[in-house]
Amino acid sequence: MRSFKRLINNKYSYMKNVILDKLKVLEEENKVTVLFACESGSRAWGFASPDSDYDVRFIYVHRKDYYLSIEEQRDVIELPINDLLDINGWELRKALKLFRKSNGPLFEWLQSPIVYQANSSFQDELQDLMKYYFTPRAMIHHYLSMAKNVVDNDLSGSEVKLKKYFYAVRPVLASLWIAERKDVPPMEFNKLRALLDPDLNVIVDDLLAKKAQVNEKNMITPIMEIHRWLRNQIEYCESHIPDPSPSEDTQALNELFRKYVL
């Protein structure tokens, strides 16, 4: 077991250096500064498989001249995707516009337990603003849409991919968190599991142990207890969607934007 953990840690250390090198190159080639870069997928959620790729997401800022042009400019940077690495990022203005709309993925990035590179002040300031720009209605719609898409398209048939249970259970738990607590749901699956019944947690423990040993394409027989729970909780959350709430003004985000434009 110790040798297996050591192997995993060595692989992570190697991949972290690869990722940092790629971030440095894209900064130089695009004349940008990466303000924040993190892991955003199953490795950060807490249910990676041995062959899970690395989903790196980042926020970057251009030099001032970029923002003084009358022409529309590209606001994303995407590196070619392969079986191991998926790296892409959003320009600062784009990110802050989405932040104002309580964008689910962006709120998750800022909670990621795996941060590759960060301006600590930038990260802290955005985290502090999350509670002001969190819109329960928008975010619960985001997570319910994710969950229903997986349930309808990936969890039917005589066999299903093991990993798809986590891609359904996690957003349902996030929706339930919002419906019951009216608060930003945590990114990490283990924190969301506080809302699961003990019997279902036993099943999830077994699935987590299996997923840690098998590849992403592993198929299993459908687990009807989870299917019933998913249907019931989706129905519950749909009946408890929060009322619309007024949007916060942009002053705080404008000030943050101006601070980090070089």
C-alpha atoms as a PDB file:
ATOM      1  CA  MET A   1       0.000   0.000   0.000  1.00  0.00           C
ATOM      2  CA  ARG A   2       2.821   2.400   0.891  1.00  0.00           C
ATOM      3  CA  SER A   3       4.570   1.735  -2.420  1.00  0.00           C
ATOM      4  CA  PHE A   4       1.292   2.357  -4.289  1.00  0.00           C
ATOM      5  CA  LYS A   5       0.768   5.684  -2.506  1.00  0.00           C
ATOM      6  CA  ARG A   6       4.371   6.628  -3.187  1.00  0.00           C
ATOM      7  CA  LEU A   7       3.856   5.858  -6.877  1.00  0.00           C
ATOM      8  CA  ILE A   8       0.746   8.051  -6.961  1.00  0.00           C
ATOM      9  CA  ASN A   9       2.553  10.899  -5.201  1.00  0.00           C
ATOM     10  CA  ASN A  10       5.504  10.646  -7.576  1.00  0.00           C
ATOM     11  CA  LYS A  11       3.203  10.774 -10.579  1.00  0.00           C
ATOM     12  CA  TYR A  12       1.406  13.824  -9.178  1.00  0.00           C
ATOM     13  CA  SER A  13       4.712  15.610  -8.520  1.00  0.00           C
ATOM     14  CA  TYR A  14       5.831  14.883 -12.065  1.00  0.00           C
ATOM     15  CA  MET A  15       2.537  16.031 -13.590  1.00  0.00           C
ATOM     16  CA  LYS A  16       2.488  19.182 -11.462  1.00  0.00           C
ATOM     17  CA  ASN A  17       5.857  20.160 -12.911  1.00  0.00           C
ATOM     18  CA  VAL A  18       4.606  19.414 -16.438  1.00  0.00           C
ATOM     19  CA  ILE A  19       1.550  21.590 -15.837  1.00  0.00           C
ATOM     20  CA  LEU A  20       3.592  24.455 -14.373  1.00  0.00           C
ATOM     21  CA  ASP A  21       5.926  24.334 -17.369  1.00  0.00           C
ATOM     22  CA  LYS A  22       2.980  24.505 -19.787  1.00  0.00           C
ATOM     23  CA  LEU A  23       1.477  27.437 -17.886  1.00  0.00           C
ATOM     24  CA  LYS A  24       4.797  29.272 -18.077  1.00  0.00           C
ATOM     25  CA  VAL A  25       5.051  28.689 -21.834  1.00  0.00           C
ATOM     26  CA  LEU A  26       1.495  29.882 -22.502  1.00  0.00           C
ATOM     27  CA  GLU A  27       2.161  33.009 -20.431  1.00  0.00           C
ATOM     28  CA  GLU A  28       5.177  33.811 -22.574  1.00  0.00           C
ATOM     29  CA  GLU A  29       3.571  32.942 -25.907  1.00  0.00           C
ATOM     30  CA  ASN A  30       0.347  34.852 -25.222  1.00  0.00           C
ATOM     31  CA  LYS A  31       1.886  37.707 -23.219  1.00  0.00           C
ATOM     32  CA  VAL A  32      -0.441  37.084 -20.274  1.00  0.00           C
ATOM     33  CA  THR A  33      -0.170  36.521 -16.538  1.00  0.00           C
ATOM     34  CA  VAL A  34      -1.905  33.529 -14.960  1.00  0.00           C
ATOM     35  CA  LEU A  35      -3.613  34.756 -11.800  1.00  0.00           C
ATOM     36  CA  PHE A  36      -5.015  31.414 -10.738  1.00  0.00           C
ATOM     37  CA  ALA A  37      -4.711  27.824 -11.997  1.00  0.00           C
ATOM     38  CA  CYS A  38      -6.254  24.751 -10.417  1.00  0.00           C
ATOM     39  CA  GLU A  39      -7.466  21.202 -10.932  1.00  0.00           C
ATOM     40  CA  SER A  40     -11.153  21.159 -11.806  1.00  0.00           C
ATOM     41  CA  GLY A  41     -12.194  17.568 -12.485  1.00  0.00           C
ATOM     42  CA  SER A  42     -12.400  14.228 -10.724  1.00  0.00           C
ATOM     43  CA  ARG A  43      -8.984  14.637  -9.107  1.00  0.00           C
ATOM     44  CA  ALA A  44     -10.218  17.750  -7.316  1.00  0.00           C
ATOM     45  CA  TRP A  45     -13.689  16.340  -6.643  1.00  0.00           C
ATOM     46  CA  GLY A  46     -12.109  13.342  -4.922  1.00  0.00           C
ATOM     47  CA  PHE A  47     -12.987  10.352  -7.098  1.00  0.00           C
ATOM     48  CA  ALA A  48     -10.226   9.974  -9.680  1.00  0.00           C
ATOM     49  CA  SER A  49      -9.517   6.715 -11.500  1.00  0.00           C
ATOM     50  CA  PRO A  50      -5.967   5.567 -12.207  1.00  0.00           C
ATOM     51  CA  ASP A  51      -6.276   6.812 -15.800  1.00  0.00           C
ATOM     52  CA  SER A  52      -8.157  10.055 -15.070  1.00  0.00           C
ATOM     53  CA  ASP A  53      -6.766  12.992 -16.994  1.00  0.00           C
ATOM     54  CA  TYR A  54      -5.717  16.306 -15.475  1.00  0.00           C
ATOM     55  CA  ASP A  55      -8.355  19.021 -15.973  1.00  0.00           C
ATOM     56  CA  VAL A  56      -6.502  22.293 -15.469  1.00  0.00           C
ATOM     57  CA  ARG A  57      -8.458  25.550 -15.477  1.00  0.00           C
ATOM     58  CA  PHE A  58      -7.016  29.022 -15.094  1.00  0.00           C
ATOM     59  CA  ILE A  59      -7.811  32.730 -15.073  1.00  0.00           C
ATOM     60  CA  TYR A  60      -5.407  35.049 -16.820  1.00  0.00           C
ATOM     61  CA  VAL A  61      -4.954  38.749 -17.491  1.00  0.00           C
ATOM     62  CA  HIS A  62      -3.503  40.496 -20.526  1.00  0.00           C
ATOM     63  CA  ARG A  63      -1.307  43.553 -20.536  1.00  0.00           C
ATOM     64  CA  LYS A  64      -3.113  46.872 -20.484  1.00  0.00           C
ATOM     65  CA  ASP A  65      -2.960  47.448 -24.265  1.00  0.00           C
ATOM     66  CA  TYR A  66      -5.256  44.465 -24.815  1.00  0.00           C
ATOM     67  CA  TYR A  67      -8.022  46.314 -22.979  1.00  0.00           C
ATOM     68  CA  LEU A  68      -7.540  49.559 -24.918  1.00  0.00           C
ATOM     69  CA  SER A  69      -8.523  48.179 -28.317  1.00  0.00           C
ATOM     70  CA  ILE A  70     -11.853  48.848 -30.021  1.00  0.00           C
ATOM     71  CA  GLU A  71     -11.803  45.390 -31.608  1.00  0.00           C
ATOM     72  CA  GLU A  72     -13.256  42.218 -30.159  1.00  0.00           C
ATOM     73  CA  GLN A  73     -10.533  39.990 -28.765  1.00  0.00           C
ATOM     74  CA  ARG A  74     -10.325  36.293 -28.005  1.00  0.00           C
ATOM     75  CA  ASP A  75     -11.040  35.703 -24.306  1.00  0.00           C
ATOM     76  CA  VAL A  76     -10.039  32.057 -23.865  1.00  0.00           C
ATOM     77  CA  ILE A  77      -6.792  30.125 -24.158  1.00  0.00           C
ATOM     78  CA  GLU A  78      -7.071  26.429 -24.934  1.00  0.00           C
ATOM     79  CA  LEU A  79      -4.191  24.012 -25.296  1.00  0.00           C
ATOM     80  CA  PRO A  80      -4.617  20.881 -27.458  1.00  0.00           C
ATOM     81  CA  ILE A  81      -6.328  18.133 -25.450  1.00  0.00           C
ATOM     82  CA  ASN A  82      -4.769  14.686 -25.114  1.00  0.00           C
ATOM     83  CA  ASP A  83      -5.486  11.604 -22.994  1.00  0.00           C
ATOM     84  CA  LEU A  84      -3.597  13.062 -20.041  1.00  0.00           C
ATOM     85  CA  LEU A  85      -4.018  16.835 -20.094  1.00  0.00           C
ATOM     86  CA  ASP A  86      -6.937  19.196 -20.645  1.00  0.00           C
ATOM     87  CA  ILE A  87      -5.801  22.785 -20.064  1.00  0.00           C
ATOM     88  CA  ASN A  88      -7.827  25.896 -20.785  1.00  0.00           C
ATOM     89  CA  GLY A  89      -8.479  29.268 -19.221  1.00  0.00           C
ATOM     90  CA  TRP A  90     -10.615  32.385 -19.212  1.00  0.00           C
ATOM     91  CA  GLU A  91      -9.498  35.983 -19.577  1.00  0.00           C
ATOM     92  CA  LEU A  92     -10.079  38.072 -16.435  1.00  0.00           C
ATOM     93  CA  ARG A  93     -12.963  40.200 -17.740  1.00  0.00           C
ATOM     94  CA  LYS A  94     -14.782  37.118 -19.027  1.00  0.00           C
ATOM     95  CA  ALA A  95     -14.231  35.354 -15.700  1.00  0.00           C
ATOM     96  CA  LEU A  96     -15.557  38.274 -13.649  1.00  0.00           C
ATOM     97  CA  LYS A  97     -18.656  38.619 -15.845  1.00  0.00           C
ATOM     98  CA  LEU A  98     -19.406  34.935 -15.243  1.00  0.00           C
ATOM     99  CA  PHE A  99     -18.583  35.283 -11.558  1.00  0.00           C
ATOM    100  CA  ARG A 100     -21.234  37.990 -11.277  1.00  0.00           C
ATOM    101  CA  LYS A 101     -23.744  35.480 -12.675  1.00  0.00           C
ATOM    102  CA  SER A 102     -22.817  32.915 -10.002  1.00  0.00           C
ATOM    103  CA  ASN A 103     -21.151  30.607 -12.510  1.00  0.00           C
ATOM    104  CA  GLY A 104     -20.994  27.110 -11.018  1.00  0.00           C
ATOM    105  CA  PRO A 105     -17.680  25.910 -12.516  1.00  0.00           C
ATOM    106  CA  LEU A 106     -15.908  29.144 -11.566  1.00  0.00           C
ATOM    107  CA  PHE A 107     -17.150  28.972  -7.978  1.00  0.00           C
ATOM    108  CA  GLU A 108     -15.822  25.402  -7.888  1.00  0.00           C
ATOM    109  CA  TRP A 109     -12.391  26.380  -9.233  1.00  0.00           C
ATOM    110  CA  LEU A 110     -11.957  28.842  -6.397  1.00  0.00           C
ATOM    111  CA  GLN A 111     -12.553  26.037  -3.883  1.00  0.00           C
ATOM    112  CA  SER A 112     -10.295  23.486  -5.558  1.00  0.00           C
ATOM    113  CA  PRO A 113      -8.034  21.601  -3.134  1.00  0.00           C
ATOM    114  CA  ILE A 114      -5.406  21.349  -5.911  1.00  0.00           C
ATOM    115  CA  VAL A 115      -4.026  24.758  -6.840  1.00  0.00           C
ATOM    116  CA  TYR A 116      -1.124  24.779  -9.286  1.00  0.00           C
ATOM    117  CA  GLN A 117      -0.423  28.498  -9.428  1.00  0.00           C
ATOM    118  CA  ALA A 118      -2.030  31.507  -7.787  1.00  0.00           C
ATOM    119  CA  ASN A 119      -1.728  35.146  -6.939  1.00  0.00           C
ATOM    120  CA  SER A 120      -2.854  34.620  -3.351  1.00  0.00           C
ATOM    121  CA  SER A 121      -4.391  38.087  -3.026  1.00  0.00           C
ATOM    122  CA  PHE A 122      -6.471  37.559  -6.170  1.00  0.00           C
ATOM    123  CA  GLN A 123      -7.709  34.186  -4.986  1.00  0.00           C
ATOM    124  CA  ASP A 124      -8.550  35.494  -1.509  1.00  0.00           C
ATOM    125  CA  GLU A 125     -10.410  38.514  -2.857  1.00  0.00           C
ATOM    126  CA  LEU A 126     -12.576  36.468  -5.197  1.00  0.00           C
ATOM    127  CA  GLN A 127     -13.307  33.892  -2.497  1.00  0.00           C
ATOM    128  CA  ASP A 128     -14.428  36.692  -0.186  1.00  0.00           C
ATOM    129  CA  LEU A 129     -16.815  37.962  -2.877  1.00  0.00           C
ATOM    130  CA  MET A 130     -18.442  34.589  -3.489  1.00  0.00           C
ATOM    131  CA  LYS A 131     -21.059  35.056  -0.777  1.00  0.00           C
ATOM    132  CA  TYR A 132     -22.154  38.395  -2.290  1.00  0.00           C
ATOM    133  CA  TYR A 133     -22.488  37.129  -5.859  1.00  0.00           C
ATOM    134  CA  PHE A 134     -23.830  33.668  -5.082  1.00  0.00           C
ATOM    135  CA  THR A 135     -27.268  33.275  -6.684  1.00  0.00           C
ATOM    136  CA  PRO A 136     -28.940  30.103  -5.374  1.00  0.00           C
ATOM    137  CA  ARG A 137     -31.500  29.919  -8.182  1.00  0.00           C
ATOM    138  CA  ALA A 138     -28.923  30.128 -10.974  1.00  0.00           C
ATOM    139  CA  MET A 139     -26.582  27.634  -9.404  1.00  0.00           C
ATOM    140  CA  ILE A 140     -29.199  25.034  -8.538  1.00  0.00           C
ATOM    141  CA  HIS A 141     -30.406  25.134 -12.146  1.00  0.00           C
ATOM    142  CA  HIS A 142     -26.818  24.518 -13.246  1.00  0.00           C
ATOM    143  CA  TYR A 143     -26.376  21.448 -11.063  1.00  0.00           C
ATOM    144  CA  LEU A 144     -29.830  19.997 -11.752  1.00  0.00           C
ATOM    145  CA  SER A 145     -29.222  20.305 -15.489  1.00  0.00           C
ATOM    146  CA  MET A 146     -25.921  18.446 -15.120  1.00  0.00           C
ATOM    147  CA  ALA A 147     -27.491  15.682 -13.054  1.00  0.00           C
ATOM    148  CA  LYS A 148     -30.524  15.141 -15.281  1.00  0.00           C
ATOM    149  CA  ASN A 149     -28.338  14.986 -18.379  1.00  0.00           C
ATOM    150  CA  VAL A 150     -26.281  12.158 -16.855  1.00  0.00           C
ATOM    151  CA  VAL A 151     -29.304  10.296 -15.506  1.00  0.00           C
ATOM    152  CA  ASP A 152     -31.193  10.514 -18.805  1.00  0.00           C
ATOM    153  CA  ASN A 153     -28.291   9.774 -21.145  1.00  0.00           C
ATOM    154  CA  ASP A 154     -25.674   7.775 -19.253  1.00  0.00           C
ATOM    155  CA  LEU A 155     -27.425   5.768 -16.552  1.00  0.00           C
ATOM    156  CA  SER A 156     -29.864   3.741 -18.632  1.00  0.00           C
ATOM    157  CA  GLY A 157     -29.253   0.292 -20.034  1.00  0.00           C
ATOM    158  CA  SER A 158     -28.236  -3.098 -18.690  1.00  0.00           C
ATOM    159  CA  GLU A 159     -24.720  -1.817 -17.870  1.00  0.00           C
ATOM    160  CA  VAL A 160     -23.486   1.684 -17.054  1.00  0.00           C
ATOM    161  CA  LYS A 161     -20.107   3.302 -16.537  1.00  0.00           C
ATOM    162  CA  LEU A 162     -19.209   3.290 -12.865  1.00  0.00           C
ATOM    163  CA  LYS A 163     -17.889   6.849 -13.024  1.00  0.00           C
ATOM    164  CA  LYS A 164     -21.236   8.179 -14.231  1.00  0.00           C
ATOM    165  CA  TYR A 165     -22.779   7.543 -10.807  1.00  0.00           C
ATOM    166  CA  PHE A 166     -20.417  10.124  -9.359  1.00  0.00           C
ATOM    167  CA  TYR A 167     -21.190  12.521 -12.212  1.00  0.00           C
ATOM    168  CA  ALA A 168     -24.861  12.288 -11.200  1.00  0.00           C
ATOM    169  CA  VAL A 169     -24.652  12.008  -7.410  1.00  0.00           C
ATOM    170  CA  ARG A 170     -22.259  14.946  -6.977  1.00  0.00           C
ATOM    171  CA  PRO A 171     -24.429  17.581  -8.750  1.00  0.00           C
ATOM    172  CA  VAL A 172     -27.552  16.252  -7.028  1.00  0.00           C
ATOM    173  CA  LEU A 173     -25.835  16.671  -3.669  1.00  0.00           C
ATOM    174  CA  ALA A 174     -24.780  20.182  -4.680  1.00  0.00           C
ATOM    175  CA  SER A 175     -28.390  20.961  -5.623  1.00  0.00           C
ATOM    176  CA  LEU A 176     -29.597  19.555  -2.317  1.00  0.00           C
ATOM    177  CA  TRP A 177     -27.002  21.660  -0.479  1.00  0.00           C
ATOM    178  CA  ILE A 178     -28.355  24.799  -2.140  1.00  0.00           C
ATOM    179  CA  ALA A 179     -32.011  23.862  -1.612  1.00  0.00           C
ATOM    180  CA  GLU A 180     -31.558  23.138   2.082  1.00  0.00           C
ATOM    181  CA  ARG A 181     -28.731  25.441   3.149  1.00  0.00           C
ATOM    182  CA  LYS A 182     -28.997  28.348   0.683  1.00  0.00           C
ATOM    183  CA  ASP A 183     -25.211  28.405   0.611  1.00  0.00           C
ATOM    184  CA  VAL A 184     -22.418  27.841  -1.912  1.00  0.00           C
ATOM    185  CA  PRO A 185     -21.961  24.067  -2.184  1.00  0.00           C
ATOM    186  CA  PRO A 186     -18.452  22.747  -1.537  1.00  0.00           C
ATOM    187  CA  MET A 187     -16.521  21.377  -4.481  1.00  0.00           C
ATOM    188  CA  GLU A 188     -15.195  18.246  -2.781  1.00  0.00           C
ATOM    189  CA  PHE A 189     -17.358  15.163  -2.871  1.00  0.00           C
ATOM    190  CA  ASN A 190     -16.476  14.077   0.678  1.00  0.00           C
ATOM    191  CA  LYS A 191     -17.894  17.328   2.042  1.00  0.00           C
ATOM    192  CA  LEU A 192     -21.102  16.999   0.023  1.00  0.00           C
ATOM    193  CA  ARG A 193     -21.537  13.439   1.322  1.00  0.00           C
ATOM    194  CA  ALA A 194     -22.651  14.868   4.647  1.00  0.00           C
ATOM    195  CA  LEU A 195     -26.117  14.994   3.044  1.00  0.00           C
ATOM    196  CA  LEU A 196     -26.213  11.283   2.157  1.00  0.00           C
ATOM    197  CA  ASP A 197     -28.058   8.696   4.227  1.00  0.00           C
ATOM    198  CA  PRO A 198     -25.762   6.186   6.017  1.00  0.00           C
ATOM    199  CA  ASP A 199     -26.984   3.239   3.905  1.00  0.00           C
ATOM    200  CA  LEU A 200     -26.222   5.073   0.681  1.00  0.00           C
ATOM    201  CA  ASN A 201     -22.845   6.166   2.007  1.00  0.00           C
ATOM    202  CA  VAL A 202     -21.905   2.494   2.400  1.00  0.00           C
ATOM    203  CA  ILE A 203     -22.699   1.910  -1.280  1.00  0.00           C
ATOM    204  CA  VAL A 204     -20.761   5.024  -2.265  1.00  0.00           C
ATOM    205  CA  ASP A 205     -17.752   3.869  -0.220  1.00  0.00           C
ATOM    206  CA  ASP A 206     -17.717   0.635  -2.199  1.00  0.00           C
ATOM    207  CA  LEU A 207     -17.961   2.487  -5.515  1.00  0.00           C
ATOM    208  CA  LEU A 208     -15.146   4.849  -4.527  1.00  0.00           C
ATOM    209  CA  ALA A 209     -12.893   1.915  -3.659  1.00  0.00           C
ATOM    210  CA  LYS A 210     -13.639   0.256  -7.010  1.00  0.00           C
ATOM    211  CA  LYS A 211     -13.199   3.458  -9.003  1.00  0.00           C
ATOM    212  CA  ALA A 212      -9.754   4.014  -7.507  1.00  0.00           C
ATOM    213  CA  GLN A 213      -8.663   0.672  -9.008  1.00  0.00           C
ATOM    214  CA  VAL A 214     -10.342   0.532 -12.432  1.00  0.00           C
ATOM    215  CA  ASN A 215     -10.187   2.622 -15.578  1.00  0.00           C
ATOM    216  CA  GLU A 216     -12.639   5.304 -16.665  1.00  0.00           C
ATOM    217  CA  LYS A 217     -14.492   2.944 -19.019  1.00  0.00           C
ATOM    218  CA  ASN A 218     -15.318   0.327 -16.386  1.00  0.00           C
ATOM    219  CA  MET A 219     -18.923  -0.896 -16.643  1.00  0.00           C
ATOM    220  CA  ILE A 220     -21.130  -2.189 -13.831  1.00  0.00           C
ATOM    221  CA  THR A 221     -24.675  -3.420 -13.321  1.00  0.00           C
ATOM    222  CA  PRO A 222     -27.062  -0.572 -12.425  1.00  0.00           C
ATOM    223  CA  ILE A 223     -27.489   0.048  -8.697  1.00  0.00           C
ATOM    224  CA  MET A 224     -31.189   0.620  -8.200  1.00  0.00           C
ATOM    225  CA  GLU A 225     -30.824   2.177  -4.731  1.00  0.00           C
ATOM    226  CA  ILE A 226     -28.845   5.017  -6.281  1.00  0.00           C
ATOM    227  CA  HIS A 227     -31.293   5.376  -9.173  1.00  0.00           C
ATOM    228  CA  ARG A 228     -34.215   5.724  -6.778  1.00  0.00           C
ATOM    229  CA  TRP A 229     -32.314   8.226  -4.649  1.00  0.00           C
ATOM    230  CA  LEU A 230     -31.363  10.293  -7.700  1.00  0.00           C
ATOM    231  CA  ARG A 231     -34.951  10.456  -8.960  1.00  0.00           C
ATOM    232  CA  ASN A 232     -36.320  11.379  -5.540  1.00  0.00           C
ATOM    233  CA  GLN A 233     -33.741  14.050  -4.837  1.00  0.00           C
ATOM    234  CA  ILE A 234     -34.012  15.640  -8.276  1.00  0.00           C
ATOM    235  CA  GLU A 235     -37.778  15.862  -7.788  1.00  0.00           C
ATOM    236  CA  TYR A 236     -37.289  17.322  -4.315  1.00  0.00           C
ATOM    237  CA  CYS A 237     -34.789  19.928  -5.475  1.00  0.00           C
ATOM    238  CA  GLU A 238     -36.957  20.944  -8.420  1.00  0.00           C
ATOM    239  CA  SER A 239     -39.765  21.665  -5.967  1.00  0.00           C
ATOM    240  CA  HIS A 240     -37.416  23.727  -3.774  1.00  0.00           C
ATOM    241  CA  ILE A 241     -35.766  25.984  -6.327  1.00  0.00           C
ATOM    242  CA  PRO A 242     -35.061  29.299  -4.596  1.00  0.00           C
ATOM    243  CA  ASP A 243     -36.817  32.469  -5.675  1.00  0.00           C
ATOM    244  CA  PRO A 244     -34.985  34.928  -7.925  1.00  0.00           C
ATOM    245  CA  SER A 245     -32.681  37.291  -6.073  1.00  0.00           C
ATOM    246  CA  PRO A 246     -31.428  40.734  -7.119  1.00  0.00           C
ATOM    247  CA  SER A 247     -28.003  40.880  -8.741  1.00  0.00           C
ATOM    248  CA  GLU A 248     -25.208  42.580  -6.854  1.00  0.00           C
ATOM    249  CA  ASP A 249     -23.760  45.687  -8.485  1.00  0.00           C
ATOM    250  CA  THR A 250     -20.439  45.453 -10.281  1.00  0.00           C
ATOM    251  CA  GLN A 251     -18.455  47.982  -8.260  1.00  0.00           C
ATOM    252  CA  ALA A 252     -16.429  45.423  -6.302  1.00  0.00           C
ATOM    253  CA  LEU A 253     -15.663  43.418  -9.437  1.00  0.00           C
ATOM    254  CA  ASN A 254     -14.720  46.529 -11.402  1.00  0.00           C
ATOM    255  CA  GLU A 255     -12.293  47.527  -8.665  1.00  0.00           C
ATOM    256  CA  LEU A 256     -10.764  44.055  -8.630  1.00  0.00           C
ATOM    257  CA  PHE A 257     -10.498  44.071 -12.439  1.00  0.00           C
ATOM    258  CA  ARG A 258      -8.665  47.406 -12.506  1.00  0.00           C
ATOM    259  CA  LYS A 259      -6.306  46.236  -9.787  1.00  0.00           C
ATOM    260  CA  TYR A 260      -5.028  43.285 -11.790  1.00  0.00           C
ATOM    261  CA  VAL A 261      -4.832  44.789 -15.264  1.00  0.00           C
ATOM    262  CA  LEU A 262      -1.119  45.396 -15.642  1.00  0.00           C
END
